Amino acid sequence: LNAMNFKQILASGAFEGIIGCTSWTVTSTSAPSDDIFVVKLKLMPKPIPGCVRISGISDQGGIAWPAYYKWVLACQTAKPFVGCWMLDQMFPEKPPIDVAASDGTPGTRNI
């Protein structure tokens, strides 16, 4: 593993706000096999300082919007990490739709 490459990945836009997030919640889990574990989570990224609140959640540190991810963890089989669970893949997910609809629009909650 190249530590410098890994550090660049963590500093990239894909991880912006994840490292140092203010909170996170596991929304669901599944285990499609003995060595794969899938976690869906909602996290509140670290706030963007100096932003004016028009929408989102703000505090003294800035503003942020909840982010949703699907993480796939794999149990390692190679030395020296045998038995360790590591992040194998990470996918951003669309936020859940929280609008009521009475016309049967797909992806909305009917009232």
N, C-alpha and C. Protein backbone atom coordinates (compact mmCIF):
# COMPACT_ATOMS: atom_id res chain seq x y z
N LEU A 1 0.85 -1.18 0.00
CA LEU A 1 0.00 0.00 0.00
C LEU A 1 0.89 1.23 0.00
N ASN A 2 0.63 2.13 -0.90
CA ASN A 2 1.38 3.36 -1.00
C ASN A 2 0.70 4.41 -0.11
N ALA A 3 1.33 4.79 0.98
CA ALA A 3 0.74 5.71 1.95
C ALA A 3 0.44 7.07 1.34
N MET A 4 1.29 7.56 0.45
CA MET A 4 1.05 8.86 -0.17
C MET A 4 -0.19 8.83 -1.08
N ASN A 5 -0.34 7.75 -1.84
CA ASN A 5 -1.54 7.61 -2.69
C ASN A 5 -2.79 7.53 -1.84
N PHE A 6 -2.72 6.77 -0.75
CA PHE A 6 -3.87 6.63 0.14
C PHE A 6 -4.23 7.99 0.75
N LYS A 7 -3.24 8.77 1.14
CA LYS A 7 -3.47 10.10 1.71
C LYS A 7 -4.13 11.00 0.67
N GLN A 8 -3.72 10.91 -0.60
CA GLN A 8 -4.33 11.69 -1.66
C GLN A 8 -5.78 11.28 -1.89
N ILE A 9 -6.08 10.01 -1.81
CA ILE A 9 -7.45 9.53 -1.96
C ILE A 9 -8.32 10.11 -0.85
N LEU A 10 -7.84 10.06 0.39
CA LEU A 10 -8.61 10.59 1.51
C LEU A 10 -8.81 12.09 1.42
N ALA A 11 -7.88 12.80 0.77
CA ALA A 11 -7.99 14.25 0.62
C ALA A 11 -8.84 14.64 -0.59
N SER A 12 -9.25 13.68 -1.41
CA SER A 12 -10.00 13.98 -2.62
C SER A 12 -11.45 14.38 -2.30
N GLY A 13 -12.12 14.89 -3.31
CA GLY A 13 -13.50 15.32 -3.15
C GLY A 13 -14.45 14.23 -2.72
N ALA A 14 -14.15 12.98 -3.08
CA ALA A 14 -15.02 11.86 -2.70
C ALA A 14 -15.11 11.69 -1.19
N PHE A 15 -14.07 12.08 -0.49
CA PHE A 15 -14.05 11.93 0.97
C PHE A 15 -14.21 13.26 1.69
N GLU A 16 -14.43 14.35 0.94
CA GLU A 16 -14.58 15.67 1.55
C GLU A 16 -15.71 15.63 2.59
N GLY A 17 -15.39 15.98 3.79
CA GLY A 17 -16.39 16.04 4.85
C GLY A 17 -16.61 14.73 5.57
N ILE A 18 -16.19 13.59 4.98
CA ILE A 18 -16.38 12.30 5.65
C ILE A 18 -15.39 12.16 6.79
N ILE A 19 -14.12 12.45 6.48
CA ILE A 19 -13.10 12.39 7.53
C ILE A 19 -13.38 13.57 8.47
N GLY A 20 -13.66 13.27 9.70
CA GLY A 20 -13.99 14.32 10.67
C GLY A 20 -15.47 14.69 10.66
N CYS A 21 -16.34 13.80 10.14
CA CYS A 21 -17.77 14.10 10.10
C CYS A 21 -18.30 14.37 11.52
N THR A 22 -19.40 15.10 11.59
CA THR A 22 -19.93 15.45 12.91
C THR A 22 -20.79 14.34 13.51
N SER A 23 -21.42 13.52 12.66
CA SER A 23 -22.20 12.38 13.16
C SER A 23 -22.46 11.41 12.02
N TRP A 24 -22.79 10.18 12.37
CA TRP A 24 -23.15 9.17 11.38
C TRP A 24 -24.10 8.17 12.01
N THR A 25 -24.96 7.58 11.14
CA THR A 25 -25.94 6.60 11.58
C THR A 25 -26.02 5.48 10.55
N VAL A 26 -25.97 4.25 11.00
CA VAL A 26 -26.16 3.10 10.12
C VAL A 26 -27.66 2.98 9.88
N THR A 27 -28.07 3.01 8.61
CA THR A 27 -29.50 2.92 8.30
C THR A 27 -29.93 1.50 7.95
N SER A 28 -28.99 0.66 7.45
CA SER A 28 -29.30 -0.74 7.19
C SER A 28 -28.01 -1.51 6.97
N THR A 29 -28.09 -2.82 7.13
CA THR A 29 -26.94 -3.70 6.90
C THR A 29 -27.43 -4.97 6.21
N SER A 30 -26.51 -5.61 5.51
CA SER A 30 -26.79 -6.92 4.94
C SER A 30 -25.47 -7.67 4.82
N ALA A 31 -25.57 -8.98 4.75
CA ALA A 31 -24.39 -9.83 4.60
C ALA A 31 -24.66 -10.81 3.45
N PRO A 32 -24.36 -10.38 2.21
CA PRO A 32 -24.62 -11.27 1.07
C PRO A 32 -23.79 -12.55 1.09
N SER A 33 -22.68 -12.56 1.83
CA SER A 33 -21.88 -13.78 1.98
C SER A 33 -21.12 -13.67 3.30
N ASP A 34 -20.41 -14.75 3.65
CA ASP A 34 -19.68 -14.77 4.92
C ASP A 34 -18.53 -13.77 4.97
N ASP A 35 -18.02 -13.38 3.78
CA ASP A 35 -16.87 -12.48 3.78
C ASP A 35 -17.18 -11.10 3.19
N ILE A 36 -18.47 -10.78 3.00
CA ILE A 36 -18.89 -9.47 2.50
C ILE A 36 -19.97 -8.94 3.43
N PHE A 37 -19.83 -7.68 3.79
CA PHE A 37 -20.82 -7.02 4.65
C PHE A 37 -21.13 -5.65 4.05
N VAL A 38 -22.41 -5.35 3.86
CA VAL A 38 -22.83 -4.09 3.24
C VAL A 38 -23.48 -3.22 4.30
N VAL A 39 -23.04 -1.98 4.36
CA VAL A 39 -23.56 -1.02 5.33
C VAL A 39 -24.07 0.20 4.58
N LYS A 40 -25.33 0.57 4.82
CA LYS A 40 -25.85 1.84 4.31
C LYS A 40 -25.84 2.80 5.48
N LEU A 41 -25.35 4.01 5.23
CA LEU A 41 -25.29 4.96 6.32
C LEU A 41 -25.60 6.37 5.89
N LYS A 42 -26.03 7.13 6.86
CA LYS A 42 -26.29 8.56 6.71
C LYS A 42 -25.26 9.26 7.58
N LEU A 43 -24.57 10.22 6.99
CA LEU A 43 -23.62 10.95 7.82
C LEU A 43 -23.78 12.45 7.61
N MET A 44 -23.42 13.17 8.64
CA MET A 44 -23.43 14.62 8.58
C MET A 44 -21.97 15.04 8.43
N PRO A 45 -21.59 15.48 7.22
CA PRO A 45 -20.19 15.86 7.00
C PRO A 45 -19.79 17.03 7.88
N LYS A 46 -18.48 17.21 8.01
CA LYS A 46 -18.04 18.37 8.77
C LYS A 46 -18.54 19.61 8.04
N PRO A 47 -18.96 20.64 8.77
CA PRO A 47 -19.55 21.82 8.15
C PRO A 47 -18.58 22.58 7.27
N ILE A 48 -19.13 23.25 6.28
CA ILE A 48 -18.36 24.14 5.42
C ILE A 48 -18.35 25.50 6.11
N PRO A 49 -17.19 25.95 6.60
CA PRO A 49 -17.16 27.20 7.34
C PRO A 49 -17.44 28.41 6.44
N GLY A 50 -18.09 29.39 7.02
CA GLY A 50 -18.32 30.65 6.33
C GLY A 50 -19.50 30.66 5.38
N CYS A 51 -20.21 29.54 5.26
CA CYS A 51 -21.37 29.51 4.36
C CYS A 51 -22.58 30.11 5.05
N VAL A 52 -23.40 30.77 4.29
CA VAL A 52 -24.63 31.36 4.79
C VAL A 52 -25.72 30.31 4.67
N ARG A 53 -26.56 30.21 5.68
CA ARG A 53 -27.60 29.18 5.67
C ARG A 53 -28.78 29.63 4.82
N ILE A 54 -29.02 28.92 3.73
CA ILE A 54 -30.22 29.07 2.93
C ILE A 54 -31.04 27.79 3.09
N SER A 55 -30.34 26.67 3.10
CA SER A 55 -30.95 25.38 3.40
C SER A 55 -29.86 24.53 4.03
N GLY A 56 -30.24 23.38 4.52
CA GLY A 56 -29.27 22.53 5.19
C GLY A 56 -29.31 22.75 6.68
N ILE A 57 -28.29 22.27 7.36
CA ILE A 57 -28.22 22.36 8.82
C ILE A 57 -26.98 23.17 9.15
N SER A 58 -27.16 24.17 9.99
CA SER A 58 -26.01 25.02 10.30
C SER A 58 -25.82 25.14 11.80
N ASP A 59 -24.60 25.46 12.17
CA ASP A 59 -24.26 25.79 13.54
C ASP A 59 -23.12 26.80 13.46
N GLN A 60 -22.43 27.02 14.56
CA GLN A 60 -21.36 28.00 14.57
C GLN A 60 -20.20 27.62 13.65
N GLY A 61 -20.08 26.34 13.33
CA GLY A 61 -18.97 25.88 12.49
C GLY A 61 -19.20 26.03 11.01
N GLY A 62 -20.45 26.25 10.58
CA GLY A 62 -20.75 26.37 9.16
C GLY A 62 -22.03 25.64 8.81
N ILE A 63 -22.12 25.19 7.56
CA ILE A 63 -23.34 24.55 7.07
C ILE A 63 -23.00 23.19 6.45
N ALA A 64 -23.93 22.26 6.54
CA ALA A 64 -23.73 20.92 5.96
C ALA A 64 -25.08 20.32 5.61
N TRP A 65 -25.06 19.36 4.71
CA TRP A 65 -26.24 18.61 4.33
C TRP A 65 -25.94 17.14 4.58
N PRO A 66 -26.94 16.36 5.02
CA PRO A 66 -26.69 14.93 5.22
C PRO A 66 -26.25 14.26 3.91
N ALA A 67 -25.36 13.31 4.03
CA ALA A 67 -24.89 12.54 2.88
C ALA A 67 -25.19 11.06 3.14
N TYR A 68 -25.47 10.33 2.08
CA TYR A 68 -25.85 8.92 2.18
C TYR A 68 -24.85 8.08 1.39
N TYR A 69 -24.42 6.97 1.97
CA TYR A 69 -23.43 6.11 1.34
C TYR A 69 -23.78 4.65 1.52
N LYS A 70 -23.26 3.84 0.61
CA LYS A 70 -23.30 2.39 0.74
C LYS A 70 -21.85 1.94 0.75
N TRP A 71 -21.45 1.31 1.83
CA TRP A 71 -20.09 0.82 1.98
C TRP A 71 -20.11 -0.70 1.91
N VAL A 72 -19.20 -1.26 1.15
CA VAL A 72 -19.05 -2.71 1.06
C VAL A 72 -17.73 -3.06 1.74
N LEU A 73 -17.83 -3.85 2.80
CA LEU A 73 -16.64 -4.28 3.53
C LEU A 73 -16.35 -5.73 3.18
N ALA A 74 -15.07 -6.04 3.11
CA ALA A 74 -14.65 -7.41 2.79
C ALA A 74 -13.72 -7.91 3.89
N CYS A 75 -13.94 -9.16 4.31
CA CYS A 75 -13.06 -9.80 5.29
C CYS A 75 -11.81 -10.27 4.53
N GLN A 76 -10.67 -9.81 4.99
CA GLN A 76 -9.42 -10.08 4.29
C GLN A 76 -8.96 -11.52 4.52
N THR A 77 -8.36 -12.08 3.47
CA THR A 77 -7.88 -13.46 3.53
C THR A 77 -6.37 -13.54 3.36
N ALA A 78 -5.74 -12.41 3.01
CA ALA A 78 -4.29 -12.40 2.78
C ALA A 78 -3.56 -11.87 4.01
N LYS A 79 -2.39 -12.42 4.25
CA LYS A 79 -1.54 -11.95 5.34
C LYS A 79 -1.06 -10.55 5.04
N PRO A 80 -0.87 -9.69 5.95
CA PRO A 80 -0.97 -9.86 7.40
C PRO A 80 -2.33 -9.47 7.97
N PHE A 81 -3.35 -9.32 7.10
CA PHE A 81 -4.64 -8.80 7.55
C PHE A 81 -5.74 -9.86 7.60
N VAL A 82 -5.39 -11.13 7.69
CA VAL A 82 -6.38 -12.21 7.72
C VAL A 82 -7.40 -11.95 8.83
N GLY A 83 -8.68 -11.99 8.45
CA GLY A 83 -9.75 -11.80 9.41
C GLY A 83 -10.14 -10.35 9.66
N CYS A 84 -9.40 -9.39 9.11
CA CYS A 84 -9.73 -7.97 9.29
C CYS A 84 -10.77 -7.56 8.25
N TRP A 85 -11.73 -6.75 8.68
CA TRP A 85 -12.73 -6.20 7.77
C TRP A 85 -12.24 -4.85 7.27
N MET A 86 -12.20 -4.69 5.94
CA MET A 86 -11.73 -3.44 5.34
C MET A 86 -12.72 -2.95 4.30
N LEU A 87 -12.76 -1.63 4.15
CA LEU A 87 -13.62 -1.02 3.15
C LEU A 87 -13.13 -1.44 1.77
N ASP A 88 -14.01 -2.08 1.00
CA ASP A 88 -13.67 -2.56 -0.33
C ASP A 88 -14.19 -1.60 -1.40
N GLN A 89 -15.42 -1.10 -1.20
CA GLN A 89 -16.03 -0.18 -2.14
C GLN A 89 -16.90 0.81 -1.38
N MET A 90 -17.04 2.02 -1.93
CA MET A 90 -17.89 3.03 -1.33
C MET A 90 -18.67 3.72 -2.44
N PHE A 91 -19.98 3.80 -2.28
CA PHE A 91 -20.82 4.43 -3.28
C PHE A 91 -21.67 5.52 -2.62
N PRO A 92 -21.69 6.72 -3.19
CA PRO A 92 -22.66 7.70 -2.69
C PRO A 92 -24.04 7.26 -3.13
N GLU A 93 -25.04 7.53 -2.31
CA GLU A 93 -26.41 7.18 -2.65
C GLU A 93 -27.26 8.44 -2.66
N LYS A 94 -28.34 8.39 -3.44
CA LYS A 94 -29.27 9.51 -3.47
C LYS A 94 -29.96 9.60 -2.11
N PRO A 95 -30.23 10.82 -1.65
CA PRO A 95 -30.98 10.94 -0.40
C PRO A 95 -32.39 10.40 -0.57
N PRO A 96 -32.97 9.93 0.50
CA PRO A 96 -34.35 9.43 0.39
C PRO A 96 -35.28 10.59 0.02
N ILE A 97 -36.29 10.28 -0.76
CA ILE A 97 -37.26 11.31 -1.14
C ILE A 97 -38.21 11.47 0.03
N ASP A 98 -38.37 12.70 0.45
CA ASP A 98 -39.22 12.98 1.61
C ASP A 98 -40.34 13.94 1.23
N VAL A 99 -40.98 13.63 0.13
CA VAL A 99 -42.10 14.45 -0.32
C VAL A 99 -43.33 13.58 -0.45
N ALA A 100 -44.42 14.11 0.00
CA ALA A 100 -45.67 13.38 -0.12
C ALA A 100 -46.25 13.63 -1.51
N ALA A 101 -46.77 12.59 -2.13
CA ALA A 101 -47.41 12.73 -3.44
C ALA A 101 -48.72 11.96 -3.42
N SER A 102 -49.72 12.51 -4.03
CA SER A 102 -50.99 11.80 -4.07
C SER A 102 -51.29 11.30 -5.47
N ASP A 103 -50.34 11.53 -6.40
CA ASP A 103 -50.59 11.13 -7.79
C ASP A 103 -49.87 9.84 -8.19
N GLY A 104 -49.27 9.14 -7.24
CA GLY A 104 -48.60 7.88 -7.54
C GLY A 104 -47.25 8.03 -8.21
N THR A 105 -46.63 9.22 -8.11
CA THR A 105 -45.31 9.45 -8.70
C THR A 105 -44.32 8.43 -8.14
N PRO A 106 -43.59 7.71 -9.03
CA PRO A 106 -42.62 6.73 -8.55
C PRO A 106 -41.57 7.38 -7.64
N GLY A 107 -41.20 6.69 -6.59
CA GLY A 107 -40.15 7.17 -5.68
C GLY A 107 -40.64 8.16 -4.64
N THR A 108 -41.94 8.40 -4.58
CA THR A 108 -42.44 9.31 -3.56
C THR A 108 -43.34 8.55 -2.60
N ARG A 109 -43.57 9.14 -1.48
CA ARG A 109 -44.42 8.55 -0.46
C ARG A 109 -45.84 9.01 -0.72
N ASN A 110 -46.74 8.08 -0.98
CA ASN A 110 -48.15 8.44 -1.24
C ASN A 110 -48.86 8.77 0.06
N ILE A 111 -49.71 9.79 -0.01
CA ILE A 111 -50.48 10.16 1.19
C ILE A 111 -51.91 9.72 1.04
